[in-house]
Amino acid sequence: AFEASGEQERTKFRSNRMPFDPQLVEIKSKFDSEYRRFSTSRDRIGTYDDFYELIGTRHRILDAVDFTTSYTDPIHGDLLPINNDDNLKRALKTATPLLRVFVYRKSDLTYLDS
């Protein structure tokens, strides 16, 4: 029986992917130990408030947890905040197509204030 090599399997996987659509952004977000992965139109998250609501809804924490978000810069690997419209625009610009988002409870970050 024929067995495909690892490279053949990776190539097959890549060829089954949808082509890159510049109007979509793929978001992989992590809150505690839970991950969410989804795609959405860039137009749907035009403001930080839209983004905050989308992430909160996906993780089912919107009305229950006061949270903040950050993302990983794919070029330098830096963890950068998403806390206003300008930061969101920068984050979306780096998402080609994946935006890696980390969600933190604000109460867990209080040690930074002291």
Protein backbone atom coordinates (compact mmCIF):
# COMPACT_ATOMS: atom_id res chain seq x y z
CA ALA A 1 0.00 0.00 0.00
CA PHE A 2 1.16 3.52 -0.77
CA GLU A 3 2.00 5.70 2.22
CA ALA A 4 2.31 9.45 1.77
CA SER A 5 5.38 11.08 3.22
CA GLY A 6 5.07 13.94 5.72
CA GLU A 7 5.88 16.51 3.03
CA GLN A 8 3.17 15.12 0.74
CA GLU A 9 0.66 15.34 3.59
CA ARG A 10 1.67 18.97 4.35
CA THR A 11 1.38 19.88 0.68
CA LYS A 12 -2.04 18.25 0.49
CA PHE A 13 -3.15 20.18 3.58
CA ARG A 14 -1.92 23.49 2.16
CA SER A 15 -3.66 22.89 -1.16
CA ASN A 16 -7.01 22.33 0.62
CA ARG A 17 -6.90 25.73 2.33
CA MET A 18 -9.08 28.55 1.16
CA PRO A 19 -7.21 31.21 -0.83
CA PHE A 20 -6.19 34.33 1.10
CA ASP A 21 -9.01 36.88 1.16
CA PRO A 22 -7.78 40.38 2.13
CA GLN A 23 -11.30 41.28 3.33
CA LEU A 24 -11.21 38.56 6.00
CA VAL A 25 -9.14 38.30 9.12
CA GLU A 26 -8.58 34.99 10.88
CA ILE A 27 -8.46 35.38 14.65
CA LYS A 28 -7.05 32.89 17.11
CA SER A 29 -7.74 34.09 20.63
CA LYS A 30 -6.83 32.63 24.01
CA PHE A 31 -8.53 33.32 27.34
CA ASP A 32 -7.36 31.26 30.32
CA SER A 33 -6.95 27.79 28.81
CA GLU A 34 -9.62 28.19 26.13
CA TYR A 35 -8.87 28.97 22.50
CA ARG A 36 -11.25 30.30 19.88
CA ARG A 37 -10.48 30.38 16.18
CA PHE A 38 -12.73 32.15 13.71
CA SER A 39 -12.76 34.39 10.66
CA THR A 40 -14.59 37.64 10.25
CA SER A 41 -14.81 40.53 7.84
CA ARG A 42 -12.34 43.33 8.52
CA ASP A 43 -15.26 45.75 8.11
CA ARG A 44 -17.06 44.12 11.04
CA ILE A 45 -14.31 45.17 13.45
CA GLY A 46 -13.75 48.75 12.38
CA THR A 47 -13.40 50.09 15.92
CA TYR A 48 -11.87 48.89 19.16
CA ASP A 49 -15.34 48.71 20.71
CA ASP A 50 -16.47 46.36 17.89
CA PHE A 51 -13.39 44.19 18.45
CA TYR A 52 -13.87 44.13 22.24
CA GLU A 53 -17.49 43.05 21.82
CA LEU A 54 -16.57 40.37 19.26
CA ILE A 55 -13.84 38.84 21.46
CA GLY A 56 -16.01 39.05 24.59
CA THR A 57 -18.92 37.38 22.81
CA ARG A 58 -16.77 34.60 21.34
CA HIS A 59 -15.36 33.75 24.77
CA ARG A 60 -18.73 34.30 26.49
CA ILE A 61 -17.23 36.82 28.92
CA LEU A 62 -18.56 40.10 27.55
CA ASP A 63 -20.79 41.02 30.50
CA ALA A 64 -19.05 38.85 33.11
CA VAL A 65 -15.36 39.82 32.96
CA ASP A 66 -13.54 43.14 32.63
CA PHE A 67 -10.77 42.19 30.20
CA THR A 68 -8.03 43.58 28.01
CA THR A 69 -6.46 42.24 24.82
CA SER A 70 -3.04 42.02 23.23
CA TYR A 71 -1.61 40.44 20.11
CA THR A 72 1.63 38.88 18.97
CA ASP A 73 3.51 40.83 16.32
CA PRO A 74 4.32 38.13 13.72
CA ILE A 75 7.58 39.81 12.62
CA HIS A 76 9.27 40.53 15.96
CA GLY A 77 7.25 38.26 18.28
CA ASP A 78 6.46 41.17 20.60
CA LEU A 79 3.29 41.13 22.69
CA LEU A 80 1.52 44.41 21.96
CA PRO A 81 -1.70 45.86 23.40
CA ILE A 82 -4.97 46.28 21.58
CA ASN A 83 -6.66 48.95 23.65
CA ASN A 84 -7.74 51.63 21.17
CA ASP A 85 -8.62 52.12 17.49
CA ASP A 86 -5.03 52.89 16.44
CA ASN A 87 -3.60 49.76 18.05
CA LEU A 88 -6.40 47.70 16.50
CA LYS A 89 -5.58 49.06 13.03
CA ARG A 90 -1.91 48.13 13.50
CA ALA A 91 -2.86 44.65 14.68
CA LEU A 92 -5.17 44.09 11.71
CA LYS A 93 -2.45 45.28 9.34
CA THR A 94 -0.15 42.50 10.59
CA ALA A 95 -2.84 39.83 10.22
CA THR A 96 -2.08 38.18 6.91
CA PRO A 97 -4.34 36.35 7.55
CA LEU A 98 -3.88 35.24 11.21
CA LEU A 99 -4.15 37.56 14.21
CA ARG A 100 -3.09 35.89 17.48
CA VAL A 101 -4.95 37.52 20.37
CA PHE A 102 -4.47 37.03 24.11
CA VAL A 103 -7.29 37.98 26.46
CA TYR A 104 -6.51 38.83 30.10
CA ARG A 105 -8.66 39.71 33.07
CA LYS A 106 -7.85 43.26 34.11
CA SER A 107 -7.88 42.10 37.73
CA ASP A 108 -4.98 39.74 36.90
CA LEU A 109 -2.91 42.71 35.69
CA THR A 110 -3.25 44.93 38.77
CA TYR A 111 0.28 44.10 39.91
CA LEU A 112 1.53 46.21 36.99
CA ASP A 113 -0.05 49.33 38.47
CA SER A 114 1.98 49.26 41.68
